[in-house]
PDB file of N, CA and C in Angstrom:
ATOM      1  N   MET A   1       5.387  23.288  -0.548  1.00  0.00           N
ATOM      2  CA  MET A   1       5.185  22.924   0.592  1.00  0.00           C
ATOM      3  C   MET A   1       5.727  21.464   1.000  1.00  0.00           C
ATOM      4  N   GLU A   2       5.799  20.831   2.397  1.00  0.00           N
ATOM      5  CA  GLU A   2       6.102  19.607   2.663  1.00  0.00           C
ATOM      6  C   GLU A   2       5.193  19.019   2.949  1.00  0.00           C
ATOM      7  N   ARG A   3       5.156  17.497   2.945  1.00  0.00           N
ATOM      8  CA  ARG A   3       4.071  16.597   3.017  1.00  0.00           C
ATOM      9  C   ARG A   3       3.189  16.404   4.479  1.00  0.00           C
ATOM     10  N   ASN A   4       3.926  16.689   5.452  1.00  0.00           N
ATOM     11  CA  ASN A   4       3.217  17.040   6.532  1.00  0.00           C
ATOM     12  C   ASN A   4       2.573  18.338   6.589  1.00  0.00           C
ATOM     13  N   ASN A   5       3.346  19.619   6.086  1.00  0.00           N
ATOM     14  CA  ASN A   5       2.729  20.543   5.801  1.00  0.00           C
ATOM     15  C   ASN A   5       1.291  20.645   5.490  1.00  0.00           C
ATOM     16  N   LYS A   6       1.103  19.576   4.200  1.00  0.00           N
ATOM     17  CA  LYS A   6      -0.071  19.564   3.314  1.00  0.00           C
ATOM     18  C   LYS A   6      -0.846  19.136   3.990  1.00  0.00           C
ATOM     19  N   ILE A   7      -0.856  17.753   4.948  1.00  0.00           N
ATOM     20  CA  ILE A   7      -1.745  17.416   5.770  1.00  0.00           C
ATOM     21  C   ILE A   7      -2.313  18.171   6.611  1.00  0.00           C
ATOM     22  N   ALA A   8      -1.657  19.035   6.950  1.00  0.00           N
ATOM     23  CA  ALA A   8      -2.099  19.970   8.313  1.00  0.00           C
ATOM     24  C   ALA A   8      -2.807  21.137   7.266  1.00  0.00           C
ATOM     25  N   PHE A   9      -2.385  21.646   6.331  1.00  0.00           N
ATOM     26  CA  PHE A   9      -2.923  22.283   5.555  1.00  0.00           C
ATOM     27  C   PHE A   9      -4.673  21.950   5.127  1.00  0.00           C
ATOM     28  N   ILE A  10      -4.711  20.658   4.943  1.00  0.00           N
ATOM     29  CA  ILE A  10      -6.045  19.776   4.530  1.00  0.00           C
ATOM     30  C   ILE A  10      -6.953  19.521   5.878  1.00  0.00           C
ATOM     31  N   GLN A  11      -6.120  19.694   7.013  1.00  0.00           N
ATOM     32  CA  GLN A  11      -7.264  19.785   8.069  1.00  0.00           C
ATOM     33  C   GLN A  11      -7.759  21.148   8.594  1.00  0.00           C
ATOM     34  N   ILE A  12      -6.929  22.027   8.322  1.00  0.00           N
ATOM     35  CA  ILE A  12      -7.349  23.592   8.428  1.00  0.00           C
ATOM     36  C   ILE A  12      -8.207  23.874   7.698  1.00  0.00           C
ATOM     37  N   LYS A  13      -8.133  23.701   6.565  1.00  0.00           N
ATOM     38  CA  LYS A  13      -8.982  24.181   5.591  1.00  0.00           C
ATOM     39  C   LYS A  13     -10.333  23.391   5.178  1.00  0.00           C
ATOM     40  N   LEU A  14     -10.571  22.079   5.802  1.00  0.00           N
ATOM     41  CA  LEU A  14     -11.889  21.499   6.015  1.00  0.00           C
ATOM     42  C   LEU A  14     -12.771  22.128   7.049  1.00  0.00           C
ATOM     43  N   VAL A  15     -11.837  22.614   8.429  1.00  0.00           N
ATOM     44  CA  VAL A  15     -12.716  23.107   9.645  1.00  0.00           C
ATOM     45  C   VAL A  15     -12.893  24.433   8.975  1.00  0.00           C
ATOM     46  N   GLU A  16     -12.030  25.095   8.153  1.00  0.00           N
ATOM     47  CA  GLU A  16     -12.875  26.277   7.642  1.00  0.00           C
ATOM     48  C   GLU A  16     -13.684  26.601   6.515  1.00  0.00           C
ATOM     49  N   GLY A  17     -14.044  25.162   6.106  1.00  0.00           N
ATOM     50  CA  GLY A  17     -15.327  24.967   5.220  1.00  0.00           C
ATOM     51  C   GLY A  17     -14.685  24.843   3.753  1.00  0.00           C
ATOM     52  N   TRP A  18     -13.804  24.607   3.618  1.00  0.00           N
ATOM     53  CA  TRP A  18     -13.307  24.448   2.107  1.00  0.00           C
ATOM     54  C   TRP A  18     -14.019  23.295   1.546  1.00  0.00           C
ATOM     55  N   SER A  19     -14.148  23.161   0.254  1.00  0.00           N
ATOM     56  CA  SER A  19     -14.606  21.983  -0.372  1.00  0.00           C
ATOM     57  C   SER A  19     -13.227  21.395  -0.520  1.00  0.00           C
ATOM     58  N   ASP A  20     -13.558  20.011  -0.962  1.00  0.00           N
ATOM     59  CA  ASP A  20     -12.273  19.019  -0.881  1.00  0.00           C
ATOM     60  C   ASP A  20     -11.820  19.377  -2.960  1.00  0.00           C
ATOM     61  N   ILE A  21     -12.411  19.355  -3.811  1.00  0.00           N
ATOM     62  CA  ILE A  21     -11.500  20.241  -4.635  1.00  0.00           C
ATOM     63  C   ILE A  21     -11.352  21.676  -4.736  1.00  0.00           C
ATOM     64  N   ASP A  22     -11.396  22.199  -3.797  1.00  0.00           N
ATOM     65  CA  ASP A  22     -10.522  23.751  -3.549  1.00  0.00           C
ATOM     66  C   ASP A  22      -9.478  23.089  -3.114  1.00  0.00           C
ATOM     67  N   ILE A  23      -9.319  22.443  -2.358  1.00  0.00           N
ATOM     68  CA  ILE A  23      -8.387  21.859  -1.347  1.00  0.00           C
ATOM     69  C   ILE A  23      -7.337  21.376  -2.295  1.00  0.00           C
ATOM     70  N   ARG A  24      -7.611  20.329  -3.021  1.00  0.00           N
ATOM     71  CA  ARG A  24      -6.936  19.434  -3.975  1.00  0.00           C
ATOM     72  C   ARG A  24      -6.207  20.615  -4.938  1.00  0.00           C
ATOM     73  N   ARG A  25      -7.028  21.055  -5.586  1.00  0.00           N
ATOM     74  CA  ARG A  25      -6.400  22.592  -5.972  1.00  0.00           C
ATOM     75  C   ARG A  25      -5.571  23.105  -5.718  1.00  0.00           C
ATOM     76  N   ALA A  26      -5.345  23.838  -4.533  1.00  0.00           N
ATOM     77  CA  ALA A  26      -4.595  24.693  -3.516  1.00  0.00           C
ATOM     78  C   ALA A  26      -3.433  23.610  -3.598  1.00  0.00           C
ATOM     79  N   ILE A  27      -3.450  22.090  -3.157  1.00  0.00           N
ATOM     80  CA  ILE A  27      -1.840  21.554  -2.809  1.00  0.00           C
ATOM     81  C   ILE A  27      -1.569  20.897  -4.237  1.00  0.00           C
ATOM     82  N   GLU A  28      -2.218  20.761  -5.339  1.00  0.00           N
ATOM     83  CA  GLU A  28      -1.953  20.124  -6.026  1.00  0.00           C
ATOM     84  C   GLU A  28      -1.549  18.601  -6.028  1.00  0.00           C
ATOM     85  N   VAL A  29      -2.576  17.941  -5.735  1.00  0.00           N
ATOM     86  CA  VAL A  29      -2.105  16.247  -5.457  1.00  0.00           C
ATOM     87  C   VAL A  29      -3.002  15.771  -5.902  1.00  0.00           C
ATOM     88  N   PRO A  30      -2.960  14.322  -6.322  1.00  0.00           N
ATOM     89  CA  PRO A  30      -4.042  13.708  -6.819  1.00  0.00           C
ATOM     90  C   PRO A  30      -5.086  13.430  -6.136  1.00  0.00           C
ATOM     91  N   ARG A  31      -6.213  12.838  -6.372  1.00  0.00           N
ATOM     92  CA  ARG A  31      -7.436  12.623  -5.782  1.00  0.00           C
ATOM     93  C   ARG A  31      -7.226  11.388  -4.477  1.00  0.00           C
ATOM     94  N   SER A  32      -6.169  10.343  -4.941  1.00  0.00           N
ATOM     95  CA  SER A  32      -6.300   9.488  -3.907  1.00  0.00           C
ATOM     96  C   SER A  32      -5.079   9.721  -3.183  1.00  0.00           C
ATOM     97  N   THR A  33      -4.446  10.590  -3.476  1.00  0.00           N
ATOM     98  CA  THR A  33      -3.421  10.988  -2.376  1.00  0.00           C
ATOM     99  C   THR A  33      -4.406  11.815  -1.036  1.00  0.00           C
ATOM    100  N   TYR A  34      -5.126  12.578  -1.962  1.00  0.00           N
ATOM    101  CA  TYR A  34      -5.681  13.620  -0.744  1.00  0.00           C
ATOM    102  C   TYR A  34      -6.421  12.898  -0.057  1.00  0.00           C
ATOM    103  N   PHE A  35      -7.128  11.914  -0.611  1.00  0.00           N
ATOM    104  CA  PHE A  35      -8.374  11.472   0.590  1.00  0.00           C
ATOM    105  C   PHE A  35      -7.844  10.712   1.361  1.00  0.00           C
ATOM    106  N   TYR A  36      -6.503  10.038   1.293  1.00  0.00           N
ATOM    107  CA  TYR A  36      -5.509   9.195   1.968  1.00  0.00           C
ATOM    108  C   TYR A  36      -4.955   9.681   3.212  1.00  0.00           C
ATOM    109  N   TRP A  37      -4.671  11.128   2.835  1.00  0.00           N
ATOM    110  CA  TRP A  37      -4.197  12.036   3.540  1.00  0.00           C
ATOM    111  C   TRP A  37      -5.130  12.808   4.624  1.00  0.00           C
ATOM    112  N   LYS A  38      -6.252  13.026   4.129  1.00  0.00           N
ATOM    113  CA  LYS A  38      -7.364  13.884   4.643  1.00  0.00           C
ATOM    114  C   LYS A  38      -8.103  12.494   5.686  1.00  0.00           C
ATOM    115  N   GLY A  39      -7.761  11.131   5.736  1.00  0.00           N
ATOM    116  CA  GLY A  39      -8.356  10.393   6.522  1.00  0.00           C
ATOM    117  C   GLY A  39      -7.264   9.821   7.458  1.00  0.00           C
ATOM    118  N   MET A  40      -6.166  10.051   7.443  1.00  0.00           N
ATOM    119  CA  MET A  40      -4.937   9.827   8.237  1.00  0.00           C
ATOM    120  C   MET A  40      -5.396  10.364   9.991  1.00  0.00           C
ATOM    121  N   PRO A  41      -5.213  11.763  10.378  1.00  0.00           N
ATOM    122  CA  PRO A  41      -5.624  11.731  11.537  1.00  0.00           C
ATOM    123  C   PRO A  41      -6.477  11.247  12.180  1.00  0.00           C
ATOM    124  N   GLN A  42      -7.824  11.093  11.393  1.00  0.00           N
ATOM    125  CA  GLN A  42      -8.879  10.178  12.180  1.00  0.00           C
ATOM    126  C   GLN A  42      -9.003   8.898  12.498  1.00  0.00           C
ATOM    127  N   LYS A  43      -7.922   8.542  11.776  1.00  0.00           N
ATOM    128  CA  LYS A  43      -7.623   6.927  11.841  1.00  0.00           C
ATOM    129  C   LYS A  43      -6.552   6.739  13.190  1.00  0.00           C
ATOM    130  N   GLY A  44      -6.075   7.482  13.626  1.00  0.00           N
ATOM    131  CA  GLY A  44      -4.908   7.541  14.285  1.00  0.00           C
ATOM    132  C   GLY A  44      -3.704   6.754  13.730  1.00  0.00           C
ATOM    133  N   GLN A  45      -3.399   7.375  12.200  1.00  0.00           N
ATOM    134  CA  GLN A  45      -1.917   6.947  11.586  1.00  0.00           C
ATOM    135  C   GLN A  45      -1.172   8.074  11.920  1.00  0.00           C
ATOM    136  N   TYR A  46      -0.827   8.431  12.975  1.00  0.00           N
ATOM    137  CA  TYR A  46       0.265   9.781  12.937  1.00  0.00           C
ATOM    138  C   TYR A  46       1.390   9.387  12.894  1.00  0.00           C
ATOM    139  N   ALA A  47       1.534   7.805  13.246  1.00  0.00           N
ATOM    140  CA  ALA A  47       2.981   7.495  12.520  1.00  0.00           C
ATOM    141  C   ALA A  47       3.462   7.248  11.102  1.00  0.00           C
ATOM    142  N   ALA A  48       2.292   7.148  10.561  1.00  0.00           N
ATOM    143  CA  ALA A  48       2.508   7.261   9.194  1.00  0.00           C
ATOM    144  C   ALA A  48       3.082   8.540   8.571  1.00  0.00           C
ATOM    145  N   LEU A  49       3.038   9.714   9.223  1.00  0.00           N
ATOM    146  CA  LEU A  49       3.252  11.166   8.867  1.00  0.00           C
ATOM    147  C   LEU A  49       4.553  11.170   8.960  1.00  0.00           C
ATOM    148  N   VAL A  50       5.503  10.339   9.836  1.00  0.00           N
ATOM    149  CA  VAL A  50       6.868  10.562   9.814  1.00  0.00           C
ATOM    150  C   VAL A  50       7.480   9.727   8.711  1.00  0.00           C
ATOM    151  N   ARG A  51       8.645  10.228   7.988  1.00  0.00           N
ATOM    152  CA  ARG A  51       8.950   9.603   6.889  1.00  0.00           C
ATOM    153  C   ARG A  51       9.997   8.280   7.392  1.00  0.00           C
ATOM    154  N   ARG A  52       9.740   7.534   7.113  1.00  0.00           N
ATOM    155  CA  ARG A  52      10.547   5.892   7.315  1.00  0.00           C
ATOM    156  C   ARG A  52      12.065   5.876   6.494  1.00  0.00           C
ATOM    157  N   GLN A  53      12.754   5.634   6.912  1.00  0.00           N
ATOM    158  CA  GLN A  53      14.306   5.373   6.463  1.00  0.00           C
ATOM    159  C   GLN A  53      14.011   4.271   5.833  1.00  0.00           C
ATOM    160  N   LYS A  54      14.435   3.752   4.493  1.00  0.00           N
ATOM    161  CA  LYS A  54      14.302   2.667   3.728  1.00  0.00           C
ATOM    162  C   LYS A  54      15.364   1.932   4.159  1.00  0.00           C
ATOM    163  N   PRO A  55      15.262   0.360   4.399  1.00  0.00           N
ATOM    164  CA  PRO A  55      15.927  -0.582   4.674  1.00  0.00           C
ATOM    165  C   PRO A  55      16.892  -0.750   3.607  1.00  0.00           C
ATOM    166  N   GLY A  56      18.337  -0.748   4.311  1.00  0.00           N
ATOM    167  CA  GLY A  56      19.669  -1.031   3.298  1.00  0.00           C
ATOM    168  C   GLY A  56      19.423  -2.544   2.643  1.00  0.00           C
ATOM    169  N   PRO A  57      20.198  -3.159   1.989  1.00  0.00           N
ATOM    170  CA  PRO A  57      20.122  -4.399   1.807  1.00  0.00           C
ATOM    171  C   PRO A  57      20.562  -5.289   2.337  1.00  0.00           C
ATOM    172  N   ASN A  58      19.944  -6.598   2.456  1.00  0.00           N
ATOM    173  CA  ASN A  58      20.037  -7.874   3.053  1.00  0.00           C
ATOM    174  C   ASN A  58      21.458  -8.614   3.123  1.00  0.00           C
ATOM    175  N   PRO A  59      21.836  -8.542   3.723  1.00  0.00           N
ATOM    176  CA  PRO A  59      23.493  -9.173   4.183  1.00  0.00           C
ATOM    177  C   PRO A  59      23.328 -10.723   3.286  1.00  0.00           C
ATOM    178  N   HIS A  60      21.951 -11.122   3.786  1.00  0.00           N
ATOM    179  CA  HIS A  60      21.880 -12.655   3.616  1.00  0.00           C
ATOM    180  C   HIS A  60      21.703 -13.147   2.158  1.00  0.00           C
ATOM    181  N   SER A  61      21.162 -11.802   1.739  1.00  0.00           N
ATOM    182  CA  SER A  61      20.493 -11.874   0.261  1.00  0.00           C
ATOM    183  C   SER A  61      21.851 -12.485  -1.032  1.00  0.00           C
ATOM    184  N   GLN A  62      22.774 -11.851  -0.467  1.00  0.00           N
ATOM    185  CA  GLN A  62      23.958 -11.985  -1.588  1.00  0.00           C
ATOM    186  C   GLN A  62      24.408 -13.097  -1.780  1.00  0.00           C
ATOM    187  N   TRP A  63      24.754 -13.186  -3.100  1.00  0.00           N
ATOM    188  CA  TRP A  63      25.203 -14.510  -3.501  1.00  0.00           C
ATOM    189  C   TRP A  63      26.780 -15.296  -2.834  1.00  0.00           C
ATOM    190  N   ILE A  64      26.931 -16.129  -2.613  1.00  0.00           N
ATOM    191  CA  ILE A  64      27.967 -16.827  -1.908  1.00  0.00           C
ATOM    192  C   ILE A  64      28.843 -17.241  -2.726  1.00  0.00           C
ATOM    193  N   LEU A  65      29.940 -17.061  -3.386  1.00  0.00           N
ATOM    194  CA  LEU A  65      30.468 -17.821  -4.552  1.00  0.00           C
ATOM    195  C   LEU A  65      31.585 -18.659  -4.337  1.00  0.00           C
TER     196      LEU A  65
END
């Protein structure tokens, strides 16, 4: 299951009345990750759901010989 699907799964199961422990066991994520993902939609952090591409190397940090 992908990350976005797991976050949606958490929200759906909370509405259905599942406990935190049951949800964590179902998606197999660490406790800290679960509670971070659980709080994302309430905090308006929808942009964090989209994976960002890591920046490439900084050309100015290259040594000039």
